């Protein structure tokens, strides 16, 4: 399993280090157990089967977790994101799963009225335009969509 700060190179999904308050091992157990549930619900999904097979071949850790047989939905966690501008931000993570669907809505929320709640607001503050003026997409400059 990879994390942004796990020493195995930067995770292409995470721009900044993210850590679970449960610990990386517990998070890995939860995520593989959730994948087990998904794979059981979709036994004929070729792409999903290929993902699992590739992970089994390439990761002994994943294989150990997969073959321990634990299955269950990943419903939430508490994570800390190490942001380069505002520092550590503690967030509650909840996974909402509407009944009768495969949809998962992942929400991240800071405890209200804490410094963790103030940090995302600080990141939304307007920034001055670049010194060279505003940049525009090539399609806008050339008139193409």
N, C-alpha and C. Protein backbone atom coordinates (compact mmCIF):
# COMPACT_ATOMS: atom_id res chain seq x y z
N UNK A 1 0.85 -1.16 0.00
CA UNK A 1 0.00 0.00 0.00
C UNK A 1 0.90 1.23 0.00
N UNK A 2 0.43 2.29 -0.60
CA UNK A 2 1.25 3.48 -0.69
C UNK A 2 0.57 4.66 -0.02
N UNK A 3 1.39 5.49 0.58
CA UNK A 3 0.92 6.75 1.11
C UNK A 3 1.88 7.82 0.65
N UNK A 4 1.45 9.05 0.71
CA UNK A 4 2.30 10.14 0.22
C UNK A 4 3.59 10.24 1.02
N UNK A 5 3.56 9.84 2.28
CA UNK A 5 4.76 9.94 3.10
C UNK A 5 5.36 8.58 3.41
N UNK A 6 5.00 7.55 2.66
CA UNK A 6 5.40 6.19 2.98
C UNK A 6 6.78 5.78 2.53
N UNK A 7 7.54 6.68 1.94
CA UNK A 7 8.90 6.35 1.57
C UNK A 7 9.03 5.54 0.29
N UNK A 8 7.93 5.28 -0.40
CA UNK A 8 8.00 4.52 -1.64
C UNK A 8 7.70 5.41 -2.84
N UNK A 9 8.09 6.66 -2.74
CA UNK A 9 7.80 7.59 -3.83
C UNK A 9 6.48 8.28 -3.57
N UNK A 10 6.27 9.37 -4.25
CA UNK A 10 5.05 10.15 -4.06
C UNK A 10 3.86 9.42 -4.67
N UNK A 11 2.80 9.32 -3.88
CA UNK A 11 1.55 8.76 -4.34
C UNK A 11 0.96 9.73 -5.36
N UNK A 12 0.63 9.28 -6.58
CA UNK A 12 0.13 10.20 -7.59
C UNK A 12 -1.23 10.82 -7.22
N UNK A 13 -1.93 10.27 -6.26
CA UNK A 13 -3.23 10.80 -5.87
C UNK A 13 -3.08 11.89 -4.82
N UNK A 14 -2.15 11.73 -3.92
CA UNK A 14 -2.01 12.66 -2.81
C UNK A 14 -0.90 13.68 -3.08
N UNK A 15 -1.26 14.94 -3.03
CA UNK A 15 -0.27 15.99 -3.22
C UNK A 15 0.50 16.25 -1.92
N UNK A 16 -0.12 16.00 -0.77
CA UNK A 16 0.51 16.24 0.53
C UNK A 16 0.33 15.00 1.38
N UNK A 17 1.22 14.81 2.34
CA UNK A 17 1.09 13.64 3.22
C UNK A 17 -0.24 13.62 3.97
N UNK A 18 -0.86 12.46 3.97
CA UNK A 18 -2.13 12.25 4.67
C UNK A 18 -1.95 11.04 5.57
N UNK A 19 -2.33 11.18 6.83
CA UNK A 19 -2.21 10.05 7.74
C UNK A 19 -3.53 9.81 8.46
N UNK A 20 -3.81 8.53 8.66
CA UNK A 20 -5.01 8.12 9.38
C UNK A 20 -4.72 8.12 10.87
N UNK A 21 -5.68 8.57 11.66
CA UNK A 21 -5.50 8.54 13.11
C UNK A 21 -5.52 7.11 13.62
N UNK A 22 -6.11 6.18 12.85
CA UNK A 22 -6.12 4.77 13.21
C UNK A 22 -4.73 4.15 13.03
N UNK A 23 -3.94 4.78 12.17
CA UNK A 23 -2.65 4.23 11.78
C UNK A 23 -2.75 3.63 10.39
N UNK A 24 -1.62 3.59 9.70
CA UNK A 24 -1.61 3.10 8.32
C UNK A 24 -2.07 1.65 8.22
N UNK A 25 -1.66 0.81 9.15
CA UNK A 25 -2.03 -0.61 9.08
C UNK A 25 -3.54 -0.79 9.19
N UNK A 26 -4.17 -0.11 10.15
CA UNK A 26 -5.62 -0.23 10.31
C UNK A 26 -6.35 0.31 9.08
N UNK A 27 -5.82 1.40 8.52
CA UNK A 27 -6.44 1.96 7.31
C UNK A 27 -6.33 0.98 6.16
N UNK A 28 -5.19 0.32 6.01
CA UNK A 28 -5.02 -0.66 4.94
C UNK A 28 -5.99 -1.82 5.11
N UNK A 29 -6.14 -2.30 6.34
CA UNK A 29 -7.09 -3.39 6.62
C UNK A 29 -8.50 -2.97 6.21
N UNK A 30 -8.90 -1.75 6.60
CA UNK A 30 -10.24 -1.25 6.26
C UNK A 30 -10.45 -1.16 4.75
N UNK A 31 -9.46 -0.63 4.04
CA UNK A 31 -9.62 -0.43 2.60
C UNK A 31 -9.65 -1.75 1.83
N UNK A 32 -8.83 -2.71 2.24
CA UNK A 32 -8.85 -4.02 1.57
C UNK A 32 -10.15 -4.76 1.90
N UNK A 33 -10.63 -4.63 3.12
CA UNK A 33 -11.92 -5.25 3.49
C UNK A 33 -13.05 -4.65 2.66
N UNK A 34 -12.98 -3.35 2.41
CA UNK A 34 -13.98 -2.70 1.58
C UNK A 34 -13.89 -3.18 0.13
N UNK A 35 -12.67 -3.35 -0.36
CA UNK A 35 -12.50 -3.87 -1.72
C UNK A 35 -13.06 -5.29 -1.83
N UNK A 36 -12.91 -6.07 -0.78
CA UNK A 36 -13.47 -7.43 -0.73
C UNK A 36 -14.98 -7.38 -0.96
N UNK A 37 -15.66 -6.45 -0.26
CA UNK A 37 -17.11 -6.30 -0.40
C UNK A 37 -17.47 -5.94 -1.84
N UNK A 38 -16.71 -5.01 -2.40
CA UNK A 38 -16.97 -4.57 -3.78
C UNK A 38 -16.74 -5.71 -4.76
N UNK A 39 -15.66 -6.45 -4.59
CA UNK A 39 -15.37 -7.57 -5.50
C UNK A 39 -16.44 -8.65 -5.40
N UNK A 40 -16.93 -8.90 -4.19
CA UNK A 40 -17.99 -9.90 -4.02
C UNK A 40 -19.29 -9.45 -4.67
N UNK A 41 -19.54 -8.15 -4.65
CA UNK A 41 -20.77 -7.62 -5.26
C UNK A 41 -20.70 -7.60 -6.78
N UNK A 42 -19.47 -7.64 -7.33
CA UNK A 42 -19.28 -7.55 -8.78
C UNK A 42 -18.33 -8.64 -9.27
N UNK A 43 -18.73 -9.92 -9.14
CA UNK A 43 -17.82 -11.01 -9.48
C UNK A 43 -17.45 -11.10 -10.96
N UNK A 44 -18.22 -10.46 -11.83
CA UNK A 44 -17.93 -10.55 -13.27
C UNK A 44 -17.29 -9.28 -13.82
N UNK A 45 -16.88 -8.38 -12.94
CA UNK A 45 -16.24 -7.13 -13.38
C UNK A 45 -14.77 -7.43 -13.70
N UNK A 46 -14.46 -7.46 -14.97
CA UNK A 46 -13.12 -7.84 -15.43
C UNK A 46 -12.06 -6.85 -14.96
N UNK A 47 -12.37 -5.56 -15.03
CA UNK A 47 -11.39 -4.55 -14.61
C UNK A 47 -11.12 -4.63 -13.12
N UNK A 48 -12.14 -4.86 -12.33
CA UNK A 48 -11.96 -5.00 -10.88
C UNK A 48 -11.14 -6.25 -10.57
N UNK A 49 -11.47 -7.34 -11.23
CA UNK A 49 -10.71 -8.58 -11.03
C UNK A 49 -9.25 -8.39 -11.41
N UNK A 50 -9.00 -7.66 -12.49
CA UNK A 50 -7.64 -7.38 -12.93
C UNK A 50 -6.89 -6.53 -11.90
N UNK A 51 -7.57 -5.53 -11.34
CA UNK A 51 -6.97 -4.70 -10.30
C UNK A 51 -6.54 -5.54 -9.11
N UNK A 52 -7.43 -6.41 -8.66
CA UNK A 52 -7.12 -7.28 -7.51
C UNK A 52 -5.98 -8.23 -7.86
N UNK A 53 -6.02 -8.85 -9.03
CA UNK A 53 -4.96 -9.78 -9.44
C UNK A 53 -3.61 -9.08 -9.51
N UNK A 54 -3.57 -7.88 -10.08
CA UNK A 54 -2.31 -7.12 -10.15
C UNK A 54 -1.79 -6.80 -8.76
N UNK A 55 -2.68 -6.39 -7.87
CA UNK A 55 -2.26 -6.07 -6.50
C UNK A 55 -1.76 -7.32 -5.77
N UNK A 56 -2.41 -8.45 -6.00
CA UNK A 56 -1.98 -9.71 -5.38
C UNK A 56 -0.58 -10.10 -5.83
N UNK A 57 -0.31 -9.91 -7.14
CA UNK A 57 1.01 -10.25 -7.69
C UNK A 57 2.10 -9.29 -7.22
N UNK A 58 1.77 -8.02 -7.12
CA UNK A 58 2.81 -7.02 -6.88
C UNK A 58 3.01 -6.64 -5.42
N UNK A 59 2.08 -6.99 -4.55
CA UNK A 59 2.18 -6.56 -3.16
C UNK A 59 1.93 -7.70 -2.18
N UNK A 60 2.98 -8.21 -1.56
CA UNK A 60 2.79 -9.26 -0.55
C UNK A 60 1.90 -8.77 0.60
N UNK A 61 2.01 -7.50 0.96
CA UNK A 61 1.17 -6.95 2.03
C UNK A 61 -0.31 -7.01 1.63
N UNK A 62 -0.62 -6.58 0.41
CA UNK A 62 -2.00 -6.65 -0.07
C UNK A 62 -2.48 -8.11 -0.06
N UNK A 63 -1.64 -9.02 -0.53
CA UNK A 63 -2.02 -10.43 -0.58
C UNK A 63 -2.34 -10.96 0.82
N UNK A 64 -1.53 -10.61 1.82
CA UNK A 64 -1.81 -11.05 3.19
C UNK A 64 -3.16 -10.51 3.67
N UNK A 65 -3.40 -9.22 3.40
CA UNK A 65 -4.66 -8.62 3.83
C UNK A 65 -5.85 -9.22 3.08
N UNK A 66 -5.67 -9.47 1.79
CA UNK A 66 -6.76 -10.02 0.96
C UNK A 66 -7.13 -11.42 1.44
N UNK A 67 -6.13 -12.25 1.67
CA UNK A 67 -6.40 -13.65 2.01
C UNK A 67 -6.77 -13.86 3.48
N UNK A 68 -6.71 -12.79 4.30
CA UNK A 68 -7.20 -12.97 5.67
C UNK A 68 -8.72 -13.01 5.69
N UNK A 69 -9.36 -12.60 4.56
CA UNK A 69 -10.79 -12.78 4.38
C UNK A 69 -11.68 -11.75 5.06
N UNK A 70 -11.10 -10.71 5.65
CA UNK A 70 -11.92 -9.69 6.29
C UNK A 70 -12.68 -8.90 5.24
N UNK A 71 -13.99 -8.76 5.43
CA UNK A 71 -14.82 -8.00 4.49
C UNK A 71 -15.71 -7.06 5.28
N UNK A 72 -15.81 -5.84 4.80
CA UNK A 72 -16.69 -4.86 5.44
C UNK A 72 -16.52 -3.51 4.78
N UNK A 73 -17.57 -2.72 4.79
CA UNK A 73 -17.48 -1.41 4.13
C UNK A 73 -16.62 -0.44 4.94
N UNK A 74 -15.89 0.39 4.22
CA UNK A 74 -15.10 1.46 4.84
C UNK A 74 -16.06 2.63 5.03
N UNK A 75 -16.34 2.99 6.27
CA UNK A 75 -17.36 4.00 6.53
C UNK A 75 -16.80 5.33 7.03
N UNK A 76 -15.53 5.37 7.39
CA UNK A 76 -15.00 6.64 7.84
C UNK A 76 -13.68 6.50 8.57
N UNK A 77 -13.15 7.66 8.94
CA UNK A 77 -11.84 7.73 9.57
C UNK A 77 -11.65 9.16 10.05
N UNK A 78 -10.57 9.42 10.66
CA UNK A 78 -10.13 10.78 10.97
C UNK A 78 -8.72 10.87 10.43
N UNK A 79 -8.47 11.90 9.63
CA UNK A 79 -7.17 12.00 8.96
C UNK A 79 -6.56 13.37 9.21
N UNK A 80 -5.25 13.39 9.12
CA UNK A 80 -4.51 14.65 9.18
C UNK A 80 -3.82 14.84 7.85
N UNK A 81 -4.05 16.01 7.25
CA UNK A 81 -3.40 16.38 6.00
C UNK A 81 -2.34 17.40 6.34
N UNK A 82 -1.13 17.16 5.89
CA UNK A 82 -0.02 18.10 6.10
C UNK A 82 0.03 19.04 4.91
N UNK A 83 -0.62 20.19 5.02
CA UNK A 83 -0.66 21.15 3.92
C UNK A 83 0.54 22.09 4.01
N UNK A 84 1.21 22.36 2.88
CA UNK A 84 2.43 23.17 2.91
C UNK A 84 2.21 24.64 3.31
N UNK A 85 0.99 25.16 3.16
CA UNK A 85 0.76 26.57 3.49
C UNK A 85 0.17 26.79 4.87
N UNK A 86 -0.73 25.92 5.30
CA UNK A 86 -1.42 26.14 6.58
C UNK A 86 -1.07 25.11 7.64
N UNK A 87 -0.24 24.14 7.32
CA UNK A 87 0.15 23.12 8.29
C UNK A 87 -0.85 21.98 8.38
N UNK A 88 -0.81 21.30 9.51
CA UNK A 88 -1.65 20.11 9.71
C UNK A 88 -3.12 20.51 9.84
N UNK A 89 -3.99 19.76 9.13
CA UNK A 89 -5.43 19.96 9.20
C UNK A 89 -6.05 18.61 9.55
N UNK A 90 -6.72 18.53 10.70
CA UNK A 90 -7.40 17.29 11.11
C UNK A 90 -8.82 17.32 10.56
N UNK A 91 -9.20 16.24 9.87
CA UNK A 91 -10.51 16.17 9.24
C UNK A 91 -11.19 14.84 9.55
N UNK A 92 -12.50 14.91 9.78
CA UNK A 92 -13.30 13.69 9.89
C UNK A 92 -13.69 13.28 8.49
N UNK A 93 -13.54 11.99 8.20
CA UNK A 93 -13.89 11.45 6.89
C UNK A 93 -15.07 10.51 7.07
N UNK A 94 -16.13 10.79 6.33
CA UNK A 94 -17.30 9.92 6.36
C UNK A 94 -17.59 9.44 4.95
N UNK A 95 -17.93 8.16 4.81
CA UNK A 95 -18.29 7.59 3.52
C UNK A 95 -19.78 7.28 3.57
N UNK A 96 -20.53 7.98 2.74
CA UNK A 96 -21.98 7.79 2.69
C UNK A 96 -22.30 6.86 1.52
N UNK A 97 -23.12 5.85 1.77
CA UNK A 97 -23.47 4.88 0.75
C UNK A 97 -24.99 4.77 0.65
N UNK A 98 -25.59 5.49 -0.30
CA UNK A 98 -27.05 5.40 -0.46
C UNK A 98 -27.49 3.96 -0.72
N UNK A 99 -28.53 3.54 -0.04
CA UNK A 99 -29.03 2.16 -0.17
C UNK A 99 -29.40 1.84 -1.61
N UNK A 100 -29.06 0.63 -2.04
CA UNK A 100 -29.43 0.16 -3.36
C UNK A 100 -28.54 0.67 -4.49
N UNK A 101 -27.44 1.31 -4.15
CA UNK A 101 -26.53 1.82 -5.17
C UNK A 101 -25.10 1.43 -4.85
N UNK A 102 -24.22 1.60 -5.83
CA UNK A 102 -22.78 1.43 -5.60
C UNK A 102 -22.11 2.78 -5.37
N UNK A 103 -22.90 3.82 -5.28
CA UNK A 103 -22.39 5.17 -5.11
C UNK A 103 -21.79 5.34 -3.72
N UNK A 104 -20.66 6.02 -3.68
CA UNK A 104 -20.05 6.37 -2.40
C UNK A 104 -19.73 7.85 -2.44
N UNK A 105 -20.18 8.54 -1.43
CA UNK A 105 -19.92 9.96 -1.31
C UNK A 105 -18.98 10.11 -0.12
N UNK A 106 -17.79 10.62 -0.39
CA UNK A 106 -16.78 10.78 0.67
C UNK A 106 -16.75 12.25 1.08
N UNK A 107 -16.98 12.50 2.36
CA UNK A 107 -16.96 13.87 2.86
C UNK A 107 -15.80 14.04 3.83
N UNK A 108 -15.22 15.22 3.79
CA UNK A 108 -14.15 15.60 4.71
C UNK A 108 -14.63 16.85 5.44
N UNK A 109 -14.62 16.84 6.76
CA UNK A 109 -15.10 18.00 7.51
C UNK A 109 -14.25 18.20 8.76
N UNK A 110 -13.94 19.45 9.02
CA UNK A 110 -13.23 19.80 10.24
C UNK A 110 -14.25 20.07 11.34
N UNK A 111 -13.84 19.87 12.56
CA UNK A 111 -14.71 20.18 13.69
C UNK A 111 -14.95 21.70 13.67
N UNK A 112 -16.22 22.12 13.71
CA UNK A 112 -16.52 23.56 13.65
C UNK A 112 -15.85 24.34 14.78
N UNK A 113 -15.54 25.59 14.48
CA UNK A 113 -14.98 26.53 15.44
C UNK A 113 -13.64 26.07 16.02
N UNK A 114 -12.84 25.41 15.20
CA UNK A 114 -11.49 25.02 15.59
C UNK A 114 -10.52 25.60 14.57
N UNK A 115 -9.24 25.57 14.90
CA UNK A 115 -8.25 26.05 13.92
C UNK A 115 -8.28 25.18 12.67
N UNK A 116 -8.64 23.91 12.82
CA UNK A 116 -8.75 23.04 11.65
C UNK A 116 -9.86 23.51 10.71
N UNK A 117 -10.92 24.06 11.25
CA UNK A 117 -12.00 24.59 10.41
C UNK A 117 -11.61 25.90 9.75
N UNK A 118 -10.74 26.66 10.38
CA UNK A 118 -10.31 27.95 9.83
C UNK A 118 -9.30 27.78 8.69
N UNK A 119 -8.51 26.74 8.72
CA UNK A 119 -7.44 26.57 7.72
C UNK A 119 -7.96 26.43 6.29
N UNK A 120 -8.98 25.60 6.01
CA UNK A 120 -9.48 25.55 4.63
C UNK A 120 -10.03 26.90 4.16
N UNK A 121 -10.65 27.65 5.08
CA UNK A 121 -11.15 28.97 4.72
C UNK A 121 -10.01 29.89 4.32
N UNK A 122 -8.88 29.79 5.00
CA UNK A 122 -7.72 30.60 4.66
C UNK A 122 -7.20 30.24 3.27
N UNK A 123 -7.33 29.00 2.89
CA UNK A 123 -6.88 28.58 1.55
C UNK A 123 -7.81 29.08 0.46
N UNK A 124 -9.07 29.37 0.80
CA UNK A 124 -10.02 29.88 -0.19
C UNK A 124 -9.91 31.39 -0.38
N UNK A 125 -9.10 32.05 0.42
CA UNK A 125 -8.96 33.50 0.31
C UNK A 125 -8.45 33.86 -1.07
N UNK A 126 -8.90 35.00 -1.61
CA UNK A 126 -8.45 35.39 -2.95
C UNK A 126 -6.94 35.62 -2.99
N UNK A 127 -6.36 35.28 -4.09
CA UNK A 127 -4.93 35.46 -4.30
C UNK A 127 -4.73 36.54 -5.35
N UNK A 128 -3.65 37.30 -5.24
CA UNK A 128 -3.38 38.30 -6.28
C UNK A 128 -3.06 37.61 -7.59
N UNK A 129 -3.39 38.25 -8.73
CA UNK A 129 -3.07 37.63 -10.03
C UNK A 129 -1.56 37.56 -10.23
N UNK A 130 -1.10 36.64 -11.07
CA UNK A 130 0.34 36.54 -11.34
C UNK A 130 0.86 37.86 -11.89
N UNK A 131 2.15 38.13 -11.66
CA UNK A 131 2.75 39.39 -12.11
C UNK A 131 2.66 39.57 -13.62
N UNK A 132 2.66 38.47 -14.36
CA UNK A 132 2.60 38.54 -15.81
C UNK A 132 1.17 38.70 -16.31
N UNK A 133 0.23 38.90 -15.43
CA UNK A 133 -1.17 39.01 -15.82
C UNK A 133 -1.85 37.66 -15.73
N UNK A 134 -3.17 37.65 -15.88
CA UNK A 134 -3.90 36.38 -15.78
C UNK A 134 -3.55 35.45 -16.92
N UNK A 135 -3.55 34.17 -16.62
CA UNK A 135 -3.30 33.18 -17.66
C UNK A 135 -4.64 32.61 -18.11
N UNK A 136 -4.72 32.24 -19.37
CA UNK A 136 -5.94 31.68 -19.93
C UNK A 136 -5.61 30.36 -20.61
N UNK A 137 -6.58 29.47 -20.67
CA UNK A 137 -6.36 28.21 -21.38
C UNK A 137 -6.07 28.48 -22.87
N UNK A 138 -5.27 27.62 -23.49
CA UNK A 138 -4.94 27.76 -24.91
C UNK A 138 -6.20 27.85 -25.77
N UNK A 139 -7.24 27.07 -25.40
CA UNK A 139 -8.45 27.06 -26.21
C UNK A 139 -9.12 28.44 -26.20
N UNK A 140 -9.02 29.17 -25.10
CA UNK A 140 -9.61 30.50 -25.01
C UNK A 140 -8.82 31.50 -25.86
N UNK A 141 -7.50 31.35 -25.85
CA UNK A 141 -6.65 32.26 -26.61
C UNK A 141 -6.85 32.06 -28.09
N UNK A 142 -6.94 30.81 -28.52
CA UNK A 142 -7.07 30.51 -29.95
C UNK A 142 -8.51 30.56 -30.43
N UNK A 143 -9.46 30.66 -29.52
CA UNK A 143 -10.86 30.69 -29.91
C UNK A 143 -11.47 29.32 -30.13
N UNK A 144 -10.70 28.26 -29.82
CA UNK A 144 -11.20 26.88 -29.97
C UNK A 144 -11.72 26.39 -28.64
N UNK A 145 -12.66 25.46 -28.70
CA UNK A 145 -13.17 24.82 -27.48
C UNK A 145 -12.50 23.52 -27.23
